[in-house]
């Protein structure tokens, strides 16, 4: 059974850091592009970041560039999202998911929700003083 499980969320003050983890079971992450998404109350789910499966290219939404870093550890079958300098507007439930589109479309469609499946249950990130 293919499954992704997120962890690492919590409450942090503005300017703080968190590292989210996305653990895969039932499949090998080596062969998968993985995306991180988030959904704040009353808002649509949006793409945050993605890491490709072939050359580990990374993609970020503009609002997190320079603050968030996505990486993978294939031995641990885990993808991470390091989040630094967190802001109140980063508050959301964060999800990871498995990209099912083609490699050549990843650059332009990495944040298209329809191209993903095997969504995790999400982990809450709250940035507040």
Foldseek 3Di string as FASTA:
>chain_A
DWAWAKDWADEAAQQAKIKMKIAIDPDFCLQWKKWKWWDDPPDDIWTAKIFGNPPRDMDGDPVQPPFWDWDDDRVRRMIMIIGGRDDQVVWTWMKMWTFQDDPVCCVPCVTPPVRTDNIHPTDTHGYHD
